[in-house]
Protein backbone atom coordinates (compact mmCIF):
# COMPACT_ATOMS: atom_id res chain seq x y z
CA MET A 1 -3.23 -34.79 44.52
CA VAL A 2 -0.27 -34.72 42.16
CA THR A 3 -1.27 -33.53 38.73
CA ALA A 4 0.04 -34.93 35.45
CA LEU A 5 1.87 -31.68 34.74
CA THR A 6 3.65 -31.86 38.06
CA MET A 7 4.76 -35.38 37.37
CA ALA A 8 6.01 -34.48 33.94
CA LEU A 9 8.09 -31.65 35.30
CA TYR A 10 9.46 -33.94 37.93
CA PHE A 11 10.66 -36.51 35.44
CA ILE A 12 12.13 -33.83 33.18
CA LEU A 13 14.20 -32.59 36.03
CA LEU A 14 15.30 -36.11 36.78
CA TRP A 15 16.30 -36.61 33.11
CA PHE A 16 18.57 -33.63 32.99
CA GLY A 17 20.01 -34.17 36.45
CA GLY A 18 18.02 -31.52 38.19
CA GLN A 19 17.05 -31.63 41.85
CA GLY A 20 13.51 -31.60 43.05
CA THR A 21 11.83 -31.87 46.40
CA PRO A 22 8.54 -33.78 46.26
CA GLN A 23 5.90 -32.74 48.71
CA ASN A 24 6.49 -34.42 52.06
CA GLY A 25 9.33 -36.51 50.51
CA PRO A 26 13.08 -36.67 50.50
CA ALA A 27 15.14 -34.87 47.89
CA PRO A 28 15.70 -37.10 44.85
CA ALA A 29 19.21 -38.05 43.79
CA ARG A 30 20.93 -36.22 40.87
CA SER A 31 20.24 -37.91 37.51
CA ASN A 32 23.20 -39.17 35.49
CA ALA A 33 21.23 -38.91 32.20
CA ARG A 34 23.24 -37.42 29.28
CA SER A 35 21.95 -35.01 26.57
CA PRO A 36 21.33 -36.74 23.22
CA HIS A 37 22.78 -33.67 21.51
CA GLY A 38 26.32 -34.26 22.69
CA ALA A 39 28.40 -31.48 24.15
CA LEU A 40 25.91 -28.66 23.69
CA ALA A 41 26.32 -25.83 26.19
CA VAL A 42 22.83 -24.51 25.68
CA PRO A 43 20.02 -24.59 28.29
CA CYS A 44 17.33 -27.08 27.32
CA GLU A 45 14.58 -24.55 27.72
CA ASN A 46 16.03 -22.49 24.89
CA CYS A 47 14.63 -25.05 22.47
CA HIS A 48 12.28 -27.32 24.43
CA THR A 49 9.02 -26.53 26.26
CA LEU A 50 7.70 -27.78 29.60
CA THR A 51 4.99 -29.71 27.80
CA SER A 52 7.17 -32.18 25.96
CA PHE A 53 10.43 -32.61 24.14
CA LYS A 54 8.68 -32.55 20.79
CA PRO A 55 7.93 -30.37 19.07
CA ILE A 56 10.55 -27.83 20.07
CA ARG A 57 9.80 -24.17 20.39
CA ALA A 58 8.73 -22.38 17.25
CA VAL A 59 11.60 -19.96 17.58
CA PRO A 60 14.50 -21.60 19.41
CA GLU A 61 16.77 -19.31 21.31
CA PHE A 62 20.00 -20.35 19.60
CA ASP A 63 22.56 -18.12 17.84
CA HIS A 64 23.90 -20.04 14.87
CA GLY A 65 26.33 -17.24 14.03
CA PRO A 66 29.28 -18.34 16.20
CA THR A 67 29.16 -21.86 14.72
CA ARG A 68 31.08 -23.12 11.74
CA PHE A 69 28.08 -22.47 9.52
CA PRO A 70 26.30 -19.14 10.04
CA LEU A 71 22.77 -19.12 8.64
CA ARG A 72 22.37 -16.73 5.74
CA GLY A 73 19.96 -16.32 2.88
CA MET A 74 17.54 -19.19 2.39
CA HIS A 75 19.24 -21.21 5.14
CA GLN A 76 17.55 -18.96 7.69
CA ALA A 77 14.14 -20.41 6.86
CA VAL A 78 15.21 -24.07 6.95
CA SER A 79 14.14 -26.15 9.96
CA CYS A 80 16.90 -27.52 12.19
CA THR A 81 16.06 -31.14 11.48
CA GLN A 82 16.55 -30.70 7.71
CA CYS A 83 20.25 -30.31 8.28
CA HIS A 84 20.68 -31.89 11.74
CA ILE A 85 19.39 -35.35 10.91
CA SER A 86 21.44 -36.86 13.72
CA MET A 87 20.64 -35.89 17.31
CA VAL A 88 24.28 -34.96 17.77
CA PHE A 89 24.24 -31.46 16.32
CA SER A 90 27.99 -31.25 15.85
CA ASN A 91 27.93 -34.31 13.67
CA VAL A 92 27.04 -32.43 10.45
CA GLY A 93 29.07 -31.22 7.45
CA THR A 94 29.56 -27.63 6.33
CA THR A 95 29.85 -28.16 2.57
CA CYS A 96 26.95 -27.79 0.17
CA SER A 97 27.18 -31.40 -0.98
CA THR A 98 26.36 -32.56 2.58
CA CYS A 99 22.75 -31.51 2.05
CA HIS A 100 22.48 -30.86 -1.68
CA ALA A 101 22.87 -33.47 -4.38
CA ASP A 102 25.21 -32.47 -7.22
CA ILE A 103 22.97 -32.25 -10.26
CA HIS A 104 26.03 -31.52 -12.38
CA ARG A 105 27.36 -34.99 -11.74
CA GLY A 106 30.78 -33.79 -10.62
CA GLN A 107 31.49 -31.93 -13.89
CA LEU A 108 32.19 -28.68 -12.08
CA GLY A 109 33.80 -29.95 -8.90
CA GLY A 110 32.35 -29.68 -5.41
CA ARG A 111 32.56 -25.92 -4.89
CA CYS A 112 28.95 -24.90 -5.43
CA GLU A 113 29.71 -21.39 -4.16
CA GLN A 114 31.59 -20.66 -7.42
CA CYS A 115 28.25 -20.15 -9.12
CA HIS A 116 25.53 -20.35 -6.46
CA THR A 117 24.83 -18.31 -3.34
CA ALA A 118 22.81 -18.86 -0.17
CA ASN A 119 20.12 -16.62 -1.64
CA GLY A 120 19.02 -19.29 -4.11
CA TRP A 121 20.10 -21.83 -6.70
CA THR A 122 19.31 -19.53 -9.62
CA VAL A 123 22.61 -18.45 -11.16
CA ARG A 124 23.34 -14.93 -12.30
CA ILE A 125 26.18 -14.06 -14.64
CA GLN A 126 27.90 -12.15 -11.84
CA ASN A 127 27.98 -15.36 -9.78
CA ILE A 128 30.10 -17.33 -12.20
CA GLN A 129 33.23 -15.18 -11.99
CA ASN A 130 33.15 -14.11 -15.64
CA HIS A 131 33.14 -17.71 -16.87
CA GLN A 132 36.88 -17.99 -16.39
CA ASN A 133 37.62 -20.89 -18.68
CA ARG A 134 38.31 -21.43 -22.37
CA PHE A 135 35.16 -19.53 -23.35
CA PRO A 136 34.96 -16.14 -21.56
CA LEU A 137 31.52 -14.56 -21.67
CA VAL A 138 31.82 -11.29 -23.57
CA GLY A 139 29.39 -9.20 -25.60
CA ALA A 140 25.89 -10.65 -25.87
CA HIS A 141 27.05 -13.86 -24.19
CA ALA A 142 27.40 -11.95 -20.92
CA THR A 143 23.62 -11.57 -20.68
CA ALA A 144 22.65 -15.07 -21.80
CA GLU A 145 21.14 -17.54 -19.34
CA CYS A 146 23.22 -20.60 -18.54
CA GLU A 147 20.47 -22.84 -19.91
CA SER A 148 20.81 -21.18 -23.34
CA CYS A 149 24.01 -23.13 -23.90
CA HIS A 150 23.94 -25.72 -21.14
CA THR A 151 20.61 -27.24 -22.07
CA GLY A 152 18.95 -30.13 -20.34
CA GLY A 153 18.62 -28.97 -16.73
CA ALA A 154 19.93 -31.65 -14.35
CA THR A 155 21.48 -33.58 -17.23
CA ALA A 156 23.15 -30.55 -18.83
CA GLN A 157 26.71 -30.78 -20.04
CA PHE A 158 29.03 -28.24 -18.42
CA SER A 159 32.52 -29.55 -19.10
CA GLY A 160 33.87 -30.29 -22.57
CA LEU A 161 31.12 -28.28 -24.25
CA SER A 162 32.08 -27.13 -27.76
CA THR A 163 33.18 -23.51 -28.13
CA ASP A 164 32.33 -23.45 -31.84
CA CYS A 165 29.64 -20.89 -32.69
CA LEU A 166 27.68 -23.34 -34.80
CA SER A 167 27.21 -25.71 -31.86
CA CYS A 168 24.72 -23.20 -30.40
CA HIS A 169 23.79 -21.17 -33.47
CA LEU A 170 23.11 -23.80 -36.09
CA GLN A 171 19.48 -22.74 -36.35
CA ASP A 172 20.50 -19.09 -36.85
CA PHE A 173 22.82 -20.15 -39.66
CA GLN A 174 20.12 -22.24 -41.34
CA ALA A 175 17.45 -19.55 -40.97
CA ALA A 176 19.54 -16.66 -42.33
CA LYS A 177 18.10 -15.49 -45.66
CA ASN A 178 19.67 -12.08 -46.23
CA PRO A 179 21.84 -13.49 -47.63
CA ASP A 180 20.94 -17.16 -47.60
CA HIS A 181 23.91 -18.72 -45.82
CA GLN A 182 23.17 -22.31 -46.78
CA ALA A 183 22.33 -21.68 -50.44
CA LEU A 184 25.50 -19.61 -50.86
CA ASN A 185 27.63 -22.19 -49.09
CA TYR A 186 28.84 -19.72 -46.50
CA SER A 187 31.53 -20.72 -44.07
CA THR A 188 30.24 -21.98 -40.73
CA SER A 189 32.94 -19.95 -38.96
CA CYS A 190 30.47 -17.32 -37.80
CA GLN A 191 33.21 -15.17 -36.29
CA SER A 192 34.58 -14.37 -39.75
CA CYS A 193 31.66 -11.93 -40.23
CA HIS A 194 29.88 -11.62 -36.88
CA SER A 195 31.01 -10.30 -33.51
CA MET A 196 30.13 -11.30 -29.96
CA ASN A 197 27.94 -8.21 -29.60
CA GLY A 198 25.12 -9.36 -31.86
CA TRP A 199 24.12 -10.94 -35.16
CA ALA A 200 23.12 -7.64 -36.77
CA GLY A 201 25.72 -5.45 -38.46
CA ALA A 202 27.89 -8.32 -39.64
CA GLY A 203 31.16 -7.23 -41.21
CA PHE A 204 33.23 -9.08 -43.81
CA ASP A 205 36.95 -8.48 -44.30
CA HIS A 206 36.71 -8.28 -48.06
CA LEU A 207 40.39 -7.60 -48.66
CA ARG A 208 41.70 -10.42 -46.49
CA SER A 209 39.21 -12.98 -47.74
CA THR A 210 38.98 -12.05 -51.43
CA GLY A 211 41.97 -9.87 -52.29
CA PHE A 212 39.60 -7.11 -53.52
CA ALA A 213 39.68 -4.10 -51.22
CA LEU A 214 36.41 -2.17 -50.92
CA THR A 215 37.59 1.43 -51.25
CA GLY A 216 35.82 4.66 -52.17
CA ALA A 217 32.24 4.19 -53.31
CA HIS A 218 32.62 0.41 -53.10
CA GLY A 219 32.74 0.65 -49.31
CA SER A 220 29.12 1.83 -49.06
CA LEU A 221 27.56 -0.55 -51.58
CA ASP A 222 25.18 -3.31 -50.64
CA CYS A 223 26.65 -6.77 -51.23
CA ALA A 224 23.94 -7.57 -53.79
CA SER A 225 25.09 -4.67 -55.99
CA CYS A 226 28.10 -6.72 -57.08
CA HIS A 227 27.01 -10.19 -56.08
CA VAL A 228 23.97 -10.22 -58.35
CA GLY A 229 21.53 -13.05 -57.80
CA GLY A 230 23.29 -14.09 -54.63
CA ARG A 231 26.41 -15.11 -56.51
CA PHE A 232 29.39 -14.85 -54.17
CA GLN A 233 31.68 -17.48 -55.64
CA GLY A 234 33.43 -16.55 -58.87
CA THR A 235 32.40 -12.88 -58.88
CA PRO A 236 34.71 -11.01 -61.30
CA ALA A 237 37.26 -8.72 -59.66
CA ASN A 238 37.89 -6.52 -62.73
CA CYS A 239 36.03 -3.22 -63.13
CA TYR A 240 34.47 -4.10 -66.46
CA GLY A 241 32.84 -7.19 -64.95
CA CYS A 242 30.48 -4.91 -62.99
CA HIS A 243 30.65 -1.70 -65.03
CA ALA A 244 30.17 -2.98 -68.58
CA SER A 245 26.99 -0.92 -68.95
CA ASP A 246 28.81 2.23 -67.81
CA TYR A 247 31.58 1.57 -70.32
CA THR A 248 29.28 0.92 -73.29
CA GLY A 249 26.91 3.76 -72.37
CA THR A 250 29.54 6.49 -72.11
CA SER A 251 29.45 8.97 -75.01
CA ASN A 252 31.77 11.73 -73.80
CA PRO A 253 33.99 10.29 -75.07
CA ASN A 254 32.50 7.21 -76.65
CA HIS A 255 34.54 4.41 -75.11
CA VAL A 256 33.46 1.67 -77.51
CA GLN A 257 33.93 3.70 -80.67
CA SER A 258 37.27 5.04 -79.50
CA GLY A 259 38.54 1.57 -78.64
CA PHE A 260 39.26 2.48 -75.04
CA PRO A 261 40.79 -0.27 -72.91
CA GLN A 262 38.43 -2.02 -70.52
CA GLN A 263 40.80 -1.47 -67.61
CA CYS A 264 38.71 1.31 -66.09
CA ALA A 265 41.33 2.00 -63.41
CA VAL A 266 43.59 3.53 -66.08
CA CYS A 267 41.47 6.70 -65.98
CA HIS A 268 38.92 6.24 -63.17
CA ASN A 269 39.18 5.73 -59.43
CA THR A 270 36.83 4.05 -56.98
CA SER A 271 35.48 7.31 -55.55
CA THR A 272 33.50 8.42 -58.60
CA TRP A 273 33.23 7.95 -62.35
CA PHE A 274 33.36 11.69 -63.00
CA GLY A 275 36.57 13.65 -63.26
CA ALA A 276 38.48 10.80 -64.90
CA ARG A 277 42.18 11.39 -65.38
CA PHE A 278 44.47 9.88 -68.01
CA ASP A 279 48.23 9.81 -67.47
CA HIS A 280 49.16 11.04 -70.93
CA ASN A 281 52.84 11.42 -70.07
CA THR A 282 53.29 7.81 -69.00
CA LEU A 283 50.88 5.94 -71.24
CA THR A 284 51.52 7.69 -74.57
CA ARG A 285 54.45 8.95 -76.65
CA PHE A 286 53.20 12.54 -76.38
CA PRO A 287 53.68 14.14 -72.94
CA LEU A 288 51.31 17.02 -72.24
CA THR A 289 53.25 20.17 -71.39
CA GLY A 290 52.48 23.88 -71.35
CA ALA A 291 49.13 24.85 -72.83
CA HIS A 292 48.45 21.24 -73.83
CA THR A 293 47.66 20.36 -70.22
CA THR A 294 44.50 22.50 -70.20
CA VAL A 295 43.13 21.48 -73.59
CA ALA A 296 40.05 19.27 -73.77
CA CYS A 297 40.72 15.78 -75.08
CA ALA A 298 38.38 16.27 -78.07
CA ASN A 299 40.44 19.23 -79.33
CA CYS A 300 43.19 16.83 -80.38
CA HIS A 301 41.30 13.56 -80.56
CA LEU A 302 38.87 14.60 -83.29
CA ASN A 303 35.83 12.42 -83.94
CA GLY A 304 36.70 10.25 -80.98
CA ASN A 305 39.95 9.03 -82.48
CA TYR A 306 42.11 7.99 -79.52
CA THR A 307 44.09 5.18 -81.05
CA ASN A 308 45.66 6.76 -84.15
CA THR A 309 45.96 10.40 -83.18
CA PRO A 310 49.03 11.97 -84.85
CA SER A 311 51.67 13.35 -82.51
CA ASP A 312 53.18 16.04 -84.81
CA CYS A 313 52.29 19.67 -84.19
CA TYR A 314 51.11 20.45 -87.73
CA SER A 315 48.33 17.85 -87.62
CA CYS A 316 46.54 19.80 -84.92
CA HIS A 317 47.83 23.30 -85.73
CA THR A 318 47.36 23.36 -89.51
CA SER A 319 44.97 26.31 -89.32
CA GLU A 320 47.42 28.35 -87.25
CA TYR A 321 50.26 27.61 -89.70
CA GLN A 322 48.19 28.54 -92.74
CA GLY A 323 46.68 31.63 -91.14
CA THR A 324 49.90 33.19 -89.88
CA THR A 325 50.90 36.39 -91.80
CA ASP A 326 53.70 37.77 -89.66
CA PRO A 327 55.55 36.18 -91.26
CA ASN A 328 53.46 34.30 -93.74
CA HIS A 329 54.50 30.72 -93.16
CA MET A 330 53.10 29.35 -96.38
CA THR A 331 54.53 32.07 -98.62
CA ALA A 332 57.90 31.83 -96.93
CA ASN A 333 57.74 28.07 -97.26
CA PHE A 334 58.39 27.60 -93.57
CA PRO A 335 58.83 23.99 -92.40
CA THR A 336 55.81 22.38 -90.73
CA THR A 337 57.88 21.32 -87.75
CA CYS A 338 56.38 23.97 -85.52
CA GLN A 339 58.65 23.13 -82.59
CA THR A 340 61.57 24.61 -84.55
CA CYS A 341 60.41 28.07 -83.52
CA HIS A 342 57.46 27.56 -81.15
CA ASN A 343 57.02 25.92 -77.75
CA THR A 344 53.96 24.43 -76.04
CA SER A 345 53.37 27.42 -73.75
CA GLN A 346 52.12 29.84 -76.44
CA TRP A 347 52.31 30.65 -80.15
CA THR A 348 53.47 34.24 -79.81
CA GLY A 349 57.10 35.04 -79.13
CA ALA A 350 58.41 32.36 -81.45
CA ALA A 351 62.18 32.20 -81.67
CA SER A 352 64.17 30.81 -84.60
CA ASP A 353 67.46 29.04 -84.11
CA HIS A 354 69.52 31.45 -86.27
CA THR A 355 72.49 29.11 -86.46
CA TRP A 356 73.11 29.76 -90.19
CA PHE A 357 73.57 33.46 -89.42
CA PRO A 358 74.20 33.90 -85.68
CA ILE A 359 72.85 37.15 -84.34
CA TYR A 360 75.34 38.30 -81.73
CA SER A 361 75.68 41.61 -79.98
CA GLY A 362 75.88 44.79 -81.91
CA THR A 363 73.60 46.19 -84.55
CA HIS A 364 72.23 42.85 -85.61
CA ARG A 365 70.64 42.41 -82.19
CA GLY A 366 67.84 44.70 -81.14
CA GLU A 367 67.85 47.12 -84.05
CA TRP A 368 64.98 45.48 -85.92
CA ASN A 369 61.61 44.34 -84.63
CA THR A 370 60.57 41.77 -87.18
CA CYS A 371 62.15 39.10 -89.31
CA ALA A 372 61.07 40.99 -92.43
CA ASP A 373 63.49 43.83 -91.66
CA CYS A 374 66.25 41.59 -92.95
CA HIS A 375 64.29 38.97 -94.83
CA VAL A 376 62.79 41.35 -97.41
CA ASN A 377 61.85 38.50 -99.70
CA PRO A 378 59.06 36.70 -97.80
CA SER A 379 59.06 33.89 -100.31
CA ASN A 380 62.55 32.79 -99.37
CA TYR A 381 63.75 33.23 -95.83
CA THR A 382 66.88 31.21 -96.48
CA GLN A 383 68.24 33.69 -99.05
CA PHE A 384 70.49 36.28 -97.49
CA SER A 385 72.86 39.02 -98.63
CA CYS A 386 74.51 41.66 -96.51
CA ILE A 387 73.98 44.27 -99.27
CA ILE A 388 70.22 43.85 -98.89
CA CYS A 389 70.40 45.54 -95.50
CA HIS A 390 73.53 47.65 -95.82
CA GLN A 391 72.51 49.39 -99.05
CA HIS A 392 75.86 48.88 -100.77
CA SER A 393 76.22 48.42 -104.45
CA ALA A 394 78.36 45.63 -105.69
CA ALA A 395 80.62 48.11 -107.52
CA ASN A 396 81.20 50.26 -104.44
CA THR A 397 81.74 47.22 -102.29
CA ASN A 398 84.26 45.81 -104.70
CA SER A 399 86.19 49.11 -104.95
CA ASP A 400 86.27 49.44 -101.14
CA HIS A 401 87.83 46.06 -100.90
CA ASN A 402 90.56 46.48 -103.56
CA GLY A 403 93.67 44.81 -102.36
CA VAL A 404 91.85 42.48 -99.92
CA ARG A 405 93.38 39.13 -100.58
CA GLY A 406 91.01 36.49 -101.77
CA TYR A 407 88.04 38.83 -101.81
CA VAL A 408 85.29 37.75 -104.17
CA TYR A 409 81.84 39.18 -103.53
CA ASN A 410 78.96 36.81 -103.01
CA ALA A 411 75.91 36.68 -100.74
CA THR A 412 77.88 35.74 -97.64
CA SER A 413 81.30 37.16 -98.40
CA CYS A 414 80.85 40.03 -95.93
CA TYR A 415 80.19 37.62 -93.12
CA SER A 416 83.47 35.83 -93.73
CA CYS A 417 85.34 38.91 -92.57
CA HIS A 418 82.72 40.61 -90.43
CA PRO A 419 81.47 37.77 -88.21
CA ARG A 420 79.98 39.97 -85.49
CA GLY A 421 78.06 42.16 -87.89
CA ASP A 422 79.62 45.32 -86.39
CA GLU A 423 80.07 48.28 -88.73
């Protein structure tokens, strides 16, 4: 008796054109049936079983590698019929859009592989080729998820999205309280202070934006030190605007009492208040030279008088003039123009311009140690007579000069004929 299985095998062979020899019967003719899969050079048994055409074998013996679409990643777990909807296996596309609907609505073109891989739809930053468009992903943006900017899932906007910081960071701008960006009317150009690396550590180009360079100690100050009460607009740029208390509180010297100018930069720099320097040579009529350069300001500016300080030597050196005994300046009625004999390096070694009686070479130069050797009358250093030093009497002098034409003795008559002072 012919079993059902035997009959099924018989008809299968007939379908695919096989030959069979029924028991006690003639050999059947070759079937002209064609495969529904088209030109597929694969034995039927590689996919089908002897039981029926459907379902096919759990693991078909078919190498998809040599085809136009090798199976990789998640495609390896997809059933054949999910892609091969038609029975003709060659009648199927090889592009992603053949099977996958474009949720981006054509905004990014049809090349899904630019961002996605066969391993899954989830996009990693490395998959998007460094975001090669008008907004490269650098800094913290390189680690952000696509959905952070392209919100809305299937309805997200990918092309024409704004590159302005505020379009994504409006909430950050509104929530910032240190300082309060909205209350202070800060610019919404976030990049003027922030970088792509993070919100923290914002930097502000103070010189470019305000014209006031933060140098010295100003560079390490907190913004609120100058911008008191969150005031950023209209902050004074002059030193006194911030340092009024320092100016009024200074007592060495007392700036207020002395009438010092409020332009602190005249003496101070931005590094420190201490060690202030005043350019006396440029800003006054009295350049500091010699020993004056090492004298404390208060030595000349008595009682904090910086505005009407006299510039003549005697005003500061009265005690030296009055106390000098070699020679006694007061007794000799010396002029109070100290610079006639002294210089600013030191008091000792004063030299008089002896133009009224030039001391040349010879005995008048180097023989005597002090002025008093010739100026025996300390009360009058302008009085001079040769006889005072040369111990001549008028009578002897006159007799020695008998016959000298035009000779008449007086205090300077000797010098008229003896100009070098040589004996």
